[in-house]
PDB file of N, CA and C in Angstrom:
ATOM      1  N   MET A   1      -9.234   2.439  12.599  1.00  0.00           N
ATOM      2  CA  MET A   1      -9.964   2.045  11.846  1.00  0.00           C
ATOM      3  C   MET A   1      -8.911   1.534  10.488  1.00  0.00           C
ATOM      4  N   ASP A   2      -8.891   0.406  10.127  1.00  0.00           N
ATOM      5  CA  ASP A   2      -7.936  -0.238   8.972  1.00  0.00           C
ATOM      6  C   ASP A   2      -8.551   0.181   7.701  1.00  0.00           C
ATOM      7  N   ILE A   3      -7.551   0.084   6.712  1.00  0.00           N
ATOM      8  CA  ILE A   3      -8.072   0.444   5.353  1.00  0.00           C
ATOM      9  C   ILE A   3      -7.724  -0.792   4.576  1.00  0.00           C
ATOM     10  N   VAL A   4      -8.692  -1.185   3.766  1.00  0.00           N
ATOM     11  CA  VAL A   4      -8.361  -2.496   3.013  1.00  0.00           C
ATOM     12  C   VAL A   4      -8.456  -1.907   1.409  1.00  0.00           C
ATOM     13  N   ILE A   5      -7.241  -2.355   0.757  1.00  0.00           N
ATOM     14  CA  ILE A   5      -7.274  -1.963  -0.785  1.00  0.00           C
ATOM     15  C   ILE A   5      -7.104  -3.403  -1.414  1.00  0.00           C
ATOM     16  N   ALA A   6      -8.042  -3.752  -2.314  1.00  0.00           N
ATOM     17  CA  ALA A   6      -7.962  -4.778  -3.366  1.00  0.00           C
ATOM     18  C   ALA A   6      -7.136  -4.312  -4.555  1.00  0.00           C
ATOM     19  N   LEU A   7      -6.269  -5.157  -4.833  1.00  0.00           N
ATOM     20  CA  LEU A   7      -5.495  -5.139  -5.810  1.00  0.00           C
ATOM     21  C   LEU A   7      -5.339  -6.112  -6.890  1.00  0.00           C
ATOM     22  N   GLY A   8      -5.367  -5.795  -8.198  1.00  0.00           N
ATOM     23  CA  GLY A   8      -5.464  -6.820  -9.224  1.00  0.00           C
ATOM     24  C   GLY A   8      -4.006  -6.855  -9.928  1.00  0.00           C
ATOM     25  N   THR A   9      -3.956  -7.461 -11.159  1.00  0.00           N
ATOM     26  CA  THR A   9      -2.672  -7.407 -12.041  1.00  0.00           C
ATOM     27  C   THR A   9      -3.091  -6.406 -13.196  1.00  0.00           C
ATOM     28  N   GLY A  10      -1.960  -6.103 -13.779  1.00  0.00           N
ATOM     29  CA  GLY A  10      -1.983  -5.366 -15.016  1.00  0.00           C
ATOM     30  C   GLY A  10      -2.084  -4.005 -14.697  1.00  0.00           C
ATOM     31  N   SER A  11      -1.483  -3.311 -13.967  1.00  0.00           N
ATOM     32  CA  SER A  11      -1.527  -1.949 -13.856  1.00  0.00           C
ATOM     33  C   SER A  11      -0.911  -1.257 -14.948  1.00  0.00           C
ATOM     34  N   ARG A  12      -1.556  -0.289 -15.569  1.00  0.00           N
ATOM     35  CA  ARG A  12      -1.135   0.290 -16.900  1.00  0.00           C
ATOM     36  C   ARG A  12      -0.074   1.385 -16.546  1.00  0.00           C
ATOM     37  N   TRP A  13       0.141   1.663 -15.182  1.00  0.00           N
ATOM     38  CA  TRP A  13       0.852   2.961 -14.826  1.00  0.00           C
ATOM     39  C   TRP A  13       1.957   2.425 -13.752  1.00  0.00           C
ATOM     40  N   GLN A  14       2.273   1.388 -13.909  1.00  0.00           N
ATOM     41  CA  GLN A  14       3.493   0.772 -13.240  1.00  0.00           C
ATOM     42  C   GLN A  14       3.131   0.732 -11.559  1.00  0.00           C
ATOM     43  N   ASP A  15       1.726   0.755 -11.154  1.00  0.00           N
ATOM     44  CA  ASP A  15       1.448   0.835  -9.735  1.00  0.00           C
ATOM     45  C   ASP A  15       1.741   2.252  -9.109  1.00  0.00           C
ATOM     46  N   ASN A  16       1.917   2.971  -9.903  1.00  0.00           N
ATOM     47  CA  ASN A  16       2.033   4.509  -9.308  1.00  0.00           C
ATOM     48  C   ASN A  16       0.719   5.066  -8.795  1.00  0.00           C
ATOM     49  N   GLU A  17      -0.510   4.646  -9.327  1.00  0.00           N
ATOM     50  CA  GLU A  17      -1.686   5.010  -8.729  1.00  0.00           C
ATOM     51  C   GLU A  17      -1.777   4.593  -7.195  1.00  0.00           C
ATOM     52  N   LEU A  18      -1.203   3.285  -6.972  1.00  0.00           N
ATOM     53  CA  LEU A  18      -1.180   2.843  -5.562  1.00  0.00           C
ATOM     54  C   LEU A  18      -0.242   3.844  -4.764  1.00  0.00           C
ATOM     55  N   ARG A  19       0.809   4.057  -5.302  1.00  0.00           N
ATOM     56  CA  ARG A  19       1.851   4.847  -4.614  1.00  0.00           C
ATOM     57  C   ARG A  19       1.317   6.203  -4.087  1.00  0.00           C
ATOM     58  N   TYR A  20       0.552   7.005  -5.271  1.00  0.00           N
ATOM     59  CA  TYR A  20       0.006   8.220  -4.841  1.00  0.00           C
ATOM     60  C   TYR A  20      -1.273   7.878  -3.871  1.00  0.00           C
ATOM     61  N   ALA A  21      -2.056   6.889  -3.896  1.00  0.00           N
ATOM     62  CA  ALA A  21      -3.080   6.728  -3.046  1.00  0.00           C
ATOM     63  C   ALA A  21      -2.635   6.646  -1.638  1.00  0.00           C
ATOM     64  N   LEU A  22      -1.454   5.948  -1.508  1.00  0.00           N
ATOM     65  CA  LEU A  22      -0.852   5.600  -0.078  1.00  0.00           C
ATOM     66  C   LEU A  22      -0.411   6.894   0.393  1.00  0.00           C
ATOM     67  N   ARG A  23       0.330   7.680  -0.468  1.00  0.00           N
ATOM     68  CA  ARG A  23       0.774   9.003   0.067  1.00  0.00           C
ATOM     69  C   ARG A  23      -0.150   9.935   0.504  1.00  0.00           C
ATOM     70  N   SER A  24      -1.441   9.977  -0.173  1.00  0.00           N
ATOM     71  CA  SER A  24      -2.641  10.709   0.180  1.00  0.00           C
ATOM     72  C   SER A  24      -3.172  10.379   1.523  1.00  0.00           C
ATOM     73  N   ILE A  25      -3.166   8.931   1.692  1.00  0.00           N
ATOM     74  CA  ILE A  25      -3.791   8.555   2.968  1.00  0.00           C
ATOM     75  C   ILE A  25      -2.862   8.927   4.083  1.00  0.00           C
ATOM     76  N   GLU A  26      -1.699   8.796   3.946  1.00  0.00           N
ATOM     77  CA  GLU A  26      -0.510   9.206   5.032  1.00  0.00           C
ATOM     78  C   GLU A  26      -0.686  10.663   5.184  1.00  0.00           C
ATOM     79  N   THR A  27      -0.756  11.349   4.224  1.00  0.00           N
ATOM     80  CA  THR A  27      -0.892  12.904   4.290  1.00  0.00           C
ATOM     81  C   THR A  27      -2.163  13.346   4.913  1.00  0.00           C
ATOM     82  N   TYR A  28      -3.275  12.775   4.525  1.00  0.00           N
ATOM     83  CA  TYR A  28      -4.619  13.696   4.688  1.00  0.00           C
ATOM     84  C   TYR A  28      -5.635  12.754   5.461  1.00  0.00           C
ATOM     85  N   LEU A  29      -5.400  11.454   5.596  1.00  0.00           N
ATOM     86  CA  LEU A  29      -6.452  10.930   6.286  1.00  0.00           C
ATOM     87  C   LEU A  29      -6.177  10.900   7.871  1.00  0.00           C
ATOM     88  N   GLN A  30      -7.097  11.245   8.536  1.00  0.00           N
ATOM     89  CA  GLN A  30      -6.903  11.377  10.027  1.00  0.00           C
ATOM     90  C   GLN A  30      -7.921  10.403  10.583  1.00  0.00           C
ATOM     91  N   GLY A  31      -7.672   9.894  11.875  1.00  0.00           N
ATOM     92  CA  GLY A  31      -8.495   8.997  12.501  1.00  0.00           C
ATOM     93  C   GLY A  31      -8.556   7.710  12.178  1.00  0.00           C
ATOM     94  N   HIS A  32      -7.512   7.101  11.296  1.00  0.00           N
ATOM     95  CA  HIS A  32      -7.544   5.721  11.102  1.00  0.00           C
ATOM     96  C   HIS A  32      -6.280   5.242  11.921  1.00  0.00           C
ATOM     97  N   SER A  33      -6.358   4.012  12.099  1.00  0.00           N
ATOM     98  CA  SER A  33      -5.184   3.181  12.743  1.00  0.00           C
ATOM     99  C   SER A  33      -3.727   3.215  12.085  1.00  0.00           C
ATOM    100  N   GLY A  34      -3.713   3.475  10.953  1.00  0.00           N
ATOM    101  CA  GLY A  34      -2.488   3.543  10.379  1.00  0.00           C
ATOM    102  C   GLY A  34      -2.015   2.206   9.715  1.00  0.00           C
ATOM    103  N   ARG A  35      -3.120   1.220   9.935  1.00  0.00           N
ATOM    104  CA  ARG A  35      -2.897  -0.020   9.400  1.00  0.00           C
ATOM    105  C   ARG A  35      -3.805  -0.195   8.101  1.00  0.00           C
ATOM    106  N   ILE A  36      -2.859  -0.589   6.981  1.00  0.00           N
ATOM    107  CA  ILE A  36      -3.430  -0.692   5.693  1.00  0.00           C
ATOM    108  C   ILE A  36      -3.218  -2.272   5.250  1.00  0.00           C
ATOM    109  N   VAL A  37      -4.306  -2.790   4.721  1.00  0.00           N
ATOM    110  CA  VAL A  37      -4.382  -4.244   4.273  1.00  0.00           C
ATOM    111  C   VAL A  37      -4.347  -4.372   2.824  1.00  0.00           C
ATOM    112  N   LEU A  38      -3.334  -4.935   2.133  1.00  0.00           N
ATOM    113  CA  LEU A  38      -3.499  -4.937   0.698  1.00  0.00           C
ATOM    114  C   LEU A  38      -3.743  -6.535   0.464  1.00  0.00           C
ATOM    115  N   VAL A  39      -4.894  -6.581  -0.335  1.00  0.00           N
ATOM    116  CA  VAL A  39      -5.197  -8.018  -0.822  1.00  0.00           C
ATOM    117  C   VAL A  39      -5.231  -8.179  -2.281  1.00  0.00           C
ATOM    118  N   GLY A  40      -4.461  -8.982  -2.580  1.00  0.00           N
ATOM    119  CA  GLY A  40      -4.310  -9.266  -4.131  1.00  0.00           C
ATOM    120  C   GLY A  40      -2.657  -9.296  -4.379  1.00  0.00           C
ATOM    121  N   GLU A  41      -2.268  -8.773  -5.683  1.00  0.00           N
ATOM    122  CA  GLU A  41      -0.969  -8.671  -6.159  1.00  0.00           C
ATOM    123  C   GLU A  41      -0.283  -7.568  -5.366  1.00  0.00           C
ATOM    124  N   LYS A  42       0.964  -7.785  -4.723  1.00  0.00           N
ATOM    125  CA  LYS A  42       1.903  -6.683  -4.043  1.00  0.00           C
ATOM    126  C   LYS A  42       3.028  -6.313  -4.983  1.00  0.00           C
ATOM    127  N   PRO A  43       3.009  -4.998  -5.271  1.00  0.00           N
ATOM    128  CA  PRO A  43       4.322  -4.563  -5.897  1.00  0.00           C
ATOM    129  C   PRO A  43       5.520  -4.745  -4.945  1.00  0.00           C
ATOM    130  N   LYS A  44       6.559  -4.777  -5.687  1.00  0.00           N
ATOM    131  CA  LYS A  44       7.820  -5.056  -5.110  1.00  0.00           C
ATOM    132  C   LYS A  44       8.215  -4.000  -3.952  1.00  0.00           C
ATOM    133  N   TRP A  45       7.880  -2.757  -4.334  1.00  0.00           N
ATOM    134  CA  TRP A  45       8.306  -1.612  -3.598  1.00  0.00           C
ATOM    135  C   TRP A  45       7.540  -1.371  -2.246  1.00  0.00           C
ATOM    136  N   ILE A  46       6.359  -1.810  -2.114  1.00  0.00           N
ATOM    137  CA  ILE A  46       5.437  -1.983  -0.924  1.00  0.00           C
ATOM    138  C   ILE A  46       6.125  -2.303   0.168  1.00  0.00           C
ATOM    139  N   LYS A  47       6.025  -1.570   1.315  1.00  0.00           N
ATOM    140  CA  LYS A  47       6.578  -1.873   2.719  1.00  0.00           C
ATOM    141  C   LYS A  47       5.607  -1.302   3.747  1.00  0.00           C
ATOM    142  N   ASN A  48       5.775  -1.831   4.885  1.00  0.00           N
ATOM    143  CA  ASN A  48       4.844  -1.301   6.069  1.00  0.00           C
ATOM    144  C   ASN A  48       3.291  -1.513   5.971  1.00  0.00           C
ATOM    145  N   VAL A  49       2.935  -2.442   5.187  1.00  0.00           N
ATOM    146  CA  VAL A  49       1.566  -2.804   4.893  1.00  0.00           C
ATOM    147  C   VAL A  49       1.349  -4.464   5.094  1.00  0.00           C
ATOM    148  N   ASP A  50       0.316  -4.659   5.614  1.00  0.00           N
ATOM    149  CA  ASP A  50      -0.063  -6.214   5.680  1.00  0.00           C
ATOM    150  C   ASP A  50      -0.511  -6.402   4.437  1.00  0.00           C
ATOM    151  N   HIS A  51      -0.079  -7.693   3.918  1.00  0.00           N
ATOM    152  CA  HIS A  51      -0.338  -8.163   2.581  1.00  0.00           C
ATOM    153  C   HIS A  51      -0.935  -9.568   2.696  1.00  0.00           C
ATOM    154  N   TYR A  52      -1.919  -9.830   1.670  1.00  0.00           N
ATOM    155  CA  TYR A  52      -2.561 -11.269   1.624  1.00  0.00           C
ATOM    156  C   TYR A  52      -2.702 -11.459   0.184  1.00  0.00           C
ATOM    157  N   HIS A  53      -2.083 -12.436  -0.239  1.00  0.00           N
ATOM    158  CA  HIS A  53      -1.968 -12.710  -1.641  1.00  0.00           C
ATOM    159  C   HIS A  53      -3.214 -13.636  -2.004  1.00  0.00           C
ATOM    160  N   ILE A  54      -4.228 -13.106  -3.008  1.00  0.00           N
ATOM    161  CA  ILE A  54      -5.248 -13.599  -3.435  1.00  0.00           C
ATOM    162  C   ILE A  54      -5.201 -13.474  -4.836  1.00  0.00           C
ATOM    163  N   PRO A  55      -4.900 -14.619  -5.660  1.00  0.00           N
ATOM    164  CA  PRO A  55      -4.822 -14.416  -7.082  1.00  0.00           C
ATOM    165  C   PRO A  55      -6.156 -14.036  -7.885  1.00  0.00           C
ATOM    166  N   ASP A  56      -6.109 -13.425  -8.899  1.00  0.00           N
ATOM    167  CA  ASP A  56      -7.104 -12.947  -9.632  1.00  0.00           C
ATOM    168  C   ASP A  56      -7.720 -14.301 -10.432  1.00  0.00           C
ATOM    169  N   VAL A  57      -9.235 -14.364 -10.612  1.00  0.00           N
ATOM    170  CA  VAL A  57      -9.605 -15.612 -11.218  1.00  0.00           C
ATOM    171  C   VAL A  57      -9.807 -15.005 -12.698  1.00  0.00           C
ATOM    172  N   PRO A  58      -9.269 -15.804 -13.654  1.00  0.00           N
ATOM    173  CA  PRO A  58      -9.187 -15.158 -15.059  1.00  0.00           C
ATOM    174  C   PRO A  58     -10.644 -15.045 -15.529  1.00  0.00           C
ATOM    175  N   GLY A  59     -10.822 -13.866 -16.141  1.00  0.00           N
ATOM    176  CA  GLY A  59     -12.199 -13.708 -16.804  1.00  0.00           C
ATOM    177  C   GLY A  59     -13.371 -13.277 -15.857  1.00  0.00           C
ATOM    178  N   ARG A  60     -12.905 -13.281 -14.472  1.00  0.00           N
ATOM    179  CA  ARG A  60     -13.950 -13.013 -13.409  1.00  0.00           C
ATOM    180  C   ARG A  60     -13.664 -11.837 -12.684  1.00  0.00           C
ATOM    181  N   LYS A  61     -13.354 -10.733 -13.286  1.00  0.00           N
ATOM    182  CA  LYS A  61     -12.820  -9.460 -12.398  1.00  0.00           C
ATOM    183  C   LYS A  61     -13.603  -9.090 -11.187  1.00  0.00           C
ATOM    184  N   ASN A  62     -15.102  -9.001 -11.492  1.00  0.00           N
ATOM    185  CA  ASN A  62     -15.980  -8.635 -10.432  1.00  0.00           C
ATOM    186  C   ASN A  62     -15.797  -9.816  -9.298  1.00  0.00           C
ATOM    187  N   PHE A  63     -15.715 -10.979  -9.503  1.00  0.00           N
ATOM    188  CA  PHE A  63     -15.772 -11.936  -8.535  1.00  0.00           C
ATOM    189  C   PHE A  63     -14.476 -11.905  -7.950  1.00  0.00           C
ATOM    190  N   SER A  64     -13.190 -11.432  -8.462  1.00  0.00           N
ATOM    191  CA  SER A  64     -11.990 -11.540  -7.966  1.00  0.00           C
ATOM    192  C   SER A  64     -11.960 -10.307  -7.008  1.00  0.00           C
ATOM    193  N   ILE A  65     -12.678  -9.256  -7.155  1.00  0.00           N
ATOM    194  CA  ILE A  65     -12.583  -8.111  -6.227  1.00  0.00           C
ATOM    195  C   ILE A  65     -13.452  -8.610  -5.024  1.00  0.00           C
ATOM    196  N   PHE A  66     -14.435  -9.213  -5.308  1.00  0.00           N
ATOM    197  CA  PHE A  66     -15.359  -9.745  -4.200  1.00  0.00           C
ATOM    198  C   PHE A  66     -14.620 -10.506  -3.177  1.00  0.00           C
ATOM    199  N   GLN A  67     -13.954 -11.436  -3.798  1.00  0.00           N
ATOM    200  CA  GLN A  67     -13.113 -12.466  -2.880  1.00  0.00           C
ATOM    201  C   GLN A  67     -12.018 -11.604  -2.047  1.00  0.00           C
ATOM    202  N   LYS A  68     -11.389 -10.638  -2.672  1.00  0.00           N
ATOM    203  CA  LYS A  68     -10.538  -9.838  -2.137  1.00  0.00           C
ATOM    204  C   LYS A  68     -11.179  -8.897  -0.902  1.00  0.00           C
ATOM    205  N   ILE A  69     -12.324  -8.435  -1.070  1.00  0.00           N
ATOM    206  CA  ILE A  69     -12.976  -7.693  -0.081  1.00  0.00           C
ATOM    207  C   ILE A  69     -13.395  -8.630   1.092  1.00  0.00           C
ATOM    208  N   LEU A  70     -13.801  -9.771   0.726  1.00  0.00           N
ATOM    209  CA  LEU A  70     -14.019 -10.713   1.799  1.00  0.00           C
ATOM    210  C   LEU A  70     -12.851 -11.011   2.736  1.00  0.00           C
ATOM    211  N   THR A  71     -11.930 -11.284   1.980  1.00  0.00           N
ATOM    212  CA  THR A  71     -10.469 -11.472   2.766  1.00  0.00           C
ATOM    213  C   THR A  71      -9.874 -10.396   3.610  1.00  0.00           C
ATOM    214  N   GLY A  72     -10.324  -9.159   3.053  1.00  0.00           N
ATOM    215  CA  GLY A  72      -9.939  -8.102   3.745  1.00  0.00           C
ATOM    216  C   GLY A  72     -10.877  -8.087   5.037  1.00  0.00           C
ATOM    217  N   CYS A  73     -12.057  -8.179   4.921  1.00  0.00           N
ATOM    218  CA  CYS A  73     -13.139  -8.304   6.103  1.00  0.00           C
ATOM    219  C   CYS A  73     -12.434  -9.277   7.231  1.00  0.00           C
ATOM    220  N   GLU A  74     -11.958 -10.345   6.715  1.00  0.00           N
ATOM    221  CA  GLU A  74     -11.380 -11.407   7.919  1.00  0.00           C
ATOM    222  C   GLU A  74     -10.268 -10.820   8.554  1.00  0.00           C
ATOM    223  N   TRP A  75      -9.470 -10.017   7.895  1.00  0.00           N
ATOM    224  CA  TRP A  75      -8.215  -9.377   8.394  1.00  0.00           C
ATOM    225  C   TRP A  75      -7.901  -8.092   9.117  1.00  0.00           C
ATOM    226  N   VAL A  76      -9.066  -7.476   9.168  1.00  0.00           N
ATOM    227  CA  VAL A  76      -9.141  -6.165   9.685  1.00  0.00           C
ATOM    228  C   VAL A  76      -9.248  -6.225  11.187  1.00  0.00           C
ATOM    229  N   ASN A  77      -8.919  -5.262  12.024  1.00  0.00           N
ATOM    230  CA  ASN A  77      -9.004  -5.139  13.486  1.00  0.00           C
ATOM    231  C   ASN A  77     -10.246  -4.491  13.795  1.00  0.00           C
ATOM    232  N   GLY A  78     -11.223  -5.154  14.397  1.00  0.00           N
ATOM    233  CA  GLY A  78     -12.520  -4.355  14.713  1.00  0.00           C
ATOM    234  C   GLY A  78     -13.630  -4.663  13.682  1.00  0.00           C
ATOM    235  N   ASP A  79     -14.646  -4.167  13.828  1.00  0.00           N
ATOM    236  CA  ASP A  79     -15.860  -4.431  12.958  1.00  0.00           C
ATOM    237  C   ASP A  79     -15.898  -3.377  11.684  1.00  0.00           C
ATOM    238  N   ASP A  80     -15.208  -2.189  11.882  1.00  0.00           N
ATOM    239  CA  ASP A  80     -15.278  -1.325  10.871  1.00  0.00           C
ATOM    240  C   ASP A  80     -14.052  -1.225  10.116  1.00  0.00           C
ATOM    241  N   PHE A  81     -14.166  -0.862   8.696  1.00  0.00           N
ATOM    242  CA  PHE A  81     -12.811  -0.678   7.963  1.00  0.00           C
ATOM    243  C   PHE A  81     -13.140   0.392   6.753  1.00  0.00           C
ATOM    244  N   ILE A  82     -12.193   0.845   6.125  1.00  0.00           N
ATOM    245  CA  ILE A  82     -12.467   1.728   4.896  1.00  0.00           C
ATOM    246  C   ILE A  82     -12.066   0.846   3.777  1.00  0.00           C
ATOM    247  N   PHE A  83     -12.900   0.702   2.929  1.00  0.00           N
ATOM    248  CA  PHE A  83     -12.496  -0.015   1.608  1.00  0.00           C
ATOM    249  C   PHE A  83     -11.989   1.191   0.530  1.00  0.00           C
ATOM    250  N   TRP A  84     -10.661   1.019   0.041  1.00  0.00           N
ATOM    251  CA  TRP A  84     -10.135   1.986  -0.825  1.00  0.00           C
ATOM    252  C   TRP A  84      -9.743   1.513  -1.850  1.00  0.00           C
ATOM    253  N   ASN A  85      -9.713   2.268  -3.038  1.00  0.00           N
ATOM    254  CA  ASN A  85      -9.353   1.754  -4.382  1.00  0.00           C
ATOM    255  C   ASN A  85      -7.838   2.522  -4.576  1.00  0.00           C
ATOM    256  N   ASP A  86      -7.079   1.878  -5.282  1.00  0.00           N
ATOM    257  CA  ASP A  86      -5.758   2.300  -5.723  1.00  0.00           C
ATOM    258  C   ASP A  86      -5.794   3.598  -6.516  1.00  0.00           C
ATOM    259  N   ASP A  87      -6.986   4.093  -7.170  1.00  0.00           N
ATOM    260  CA  ASP A  87      -7.006   5.159  -7.760  1.00  0.00           C
ATOM    261  C   ASP A  87      -7.914   6.261  -7.168  1.00  0.00           C
ATOM    262  N   HIS A  88      -8.141   6.130  -5.775  1.00  0.00           N
ATOM    263  CA  HIS A  88      -8.659   7.224  -5.123  1.00  0.00           C
ATOM    264  C   HIS A  88      -7.560   7.913  -4.331  1.00  0.00           C
ATOM    265  N   PHE A  89      -7.615   9.170  -4.447  1.00  0.00           N
ATOM    266  CA  PHE A  89      -6.676  10.175  -3.843  1.00  0.00           C
ATOM    267  C   PHE A  89      -7.177  11.215  -3.025  1.00  0.00           C
ATOM    268  N   LEU A  90      -6.759  11.496  -1.791  1.00  0.00           N
ATOM    269  CA  LEU A  90      -7.157  12.666  -1.104  1.00  0.00           C
ATOM    270  C   LEU A  90      -6.501  13.839  -1.513  1.00  0.00           C
ATOM    271  N   LEU A  91      -7.016  15.103  -1.393  1.00  0.00           N
ATOM    272  CA  LEU A  91      -6.378  16.231  -1.850  1.00  0.00           C
ATOM    273  C   LEU A  91      -6.650  17.283  -0.694  1.00  0.00           C
ATOM    274  N   LYS A  92      -7.135  16.781   0.395  1.00  0.00           N
ATOM    275  CA  LYS A  92      -7.325  17.764   1.574  1.00  0.00           C
ATOM    276  C   LYS A  92      -7.615  16.812   2.721  1.00  0.00           C
ATOM    277  N   PRO A  93      -7.456  17.261   3.890  1.00  0.00           N
ATOM    278  CA  PRO A  93      -7.742  16.532   5.117  1.00  0.00           C
ATOM    279  C   PRO A  93      -9.046  15.978   5.173  1.00  0.00           C
ATOM    280  N   LEU A  94      -9.126  14.751   5.772  1.00  0.00           N
ATOM    281  CA  LEU A  94     -10.323  13.899   5.856  1.00  0.00           C
ATOM    282  C   LEU A  94     -10.404  13.241   7.138  1.00  0.00           C
ATOM    283  N   ASN A  95     -11.344  13.205   8.098  1.00  0.00           N
ATOM    284  CA  ASN A  95     -11.361  12.391   9.097  1.00  0.00           C
ATOM    285  C   ASN A  95     -12.130  11.269   9.060  1.00  0.00           C
ATOM    286  N   ALA A  96     -11.559  10.073   9.328  1.00  0.00           N
ATOM    287  CA  ALA A  96     -12.130   8.777   8.974  1.00  0.00           C
ATOM    288  C   ALA A  96     -13.017   8.243  10.066  1.00  0.00           C
ATOM    289  N   LEU A  97     -12.925   9.013  11.368  1.00  0.00           N
ATOM    290  CA  LEU A  97     -13.839   8.395  12.438  1.00  0.00           C
ATOM    291  C   LEU A  97     -15.287   8.878  12.263  1.00  0.00           C
ATOM    292  N   VAL A  98     -16.071   7.836  12.531  1.00  0.00           N
ATOM    293  CA  VAL A  98     -17.471   7.978  12.148  1.00  0.00           C
ATOM    294  C   VAL A  98     -18.183   8.253  13.712  1.00  0.00           C
ATOM    295  N   SER A  99     -19.043   9.108  13.722  1.00  0.00           N
ATOM    296  CA  SER A  99     -19.777   9.277  14.818  1.00  0.00           C
ATOM    297  C   SER A  99     -20.976   8.511  14.954  1.00  0.00           C
ATOM    298  N   THR A 100     -21.000   7.801  16.051  1.00  0.00           N
ATOM    299  CA  THR A 100     -22.414   6.940  16.519  1.00  0.00           C
ATOM    300  C   THR A 100     -23.478   7.669  16.934  1.00  0.00           C
ATOM    301  N   ASP A 101     -23.217   8.991  17.396  1.00  0.00           N
ATOM    302  CA  ASP A 101     -24.138   9.888  18.008  1.00  0.00           C
ATOM    303  C   ASP A 101     -25.139  10.362  17.033  1.00  0.00           C
ATOM    304  N   PHE A 102     -26.193   9.683  16.818  1.00  0.00           N
ATOM    305  CA  PHE A 102     -27.149  10.416  15.887  1.00  0.00           C
ATOM    306  C   PHE A 102     -28.468  10.855  16.644  1.00  0.00           C
TER     307      PHE A 102
END
């Protein structure tokens, strides 16, 4: 299962929130493919992720996020993906696999 992260411009923390989010995914998220798709602005230090540049629409923050999510839907492998934000961090192990046996 792929992970999609929509990124905008103007990080107030020099994109360190993304750095910590990616570290927590690498350390604690189990059951995902390891593929991370960034949609939007890409910090210079980013490596080993797929990136698709979609610029923000000035004054339309929610619309910009919506466009980035749609783009992420087009670029993931399979029907399911995890939508992640750069300010979401895992603090303990989490299994990303979803059981379809209900």
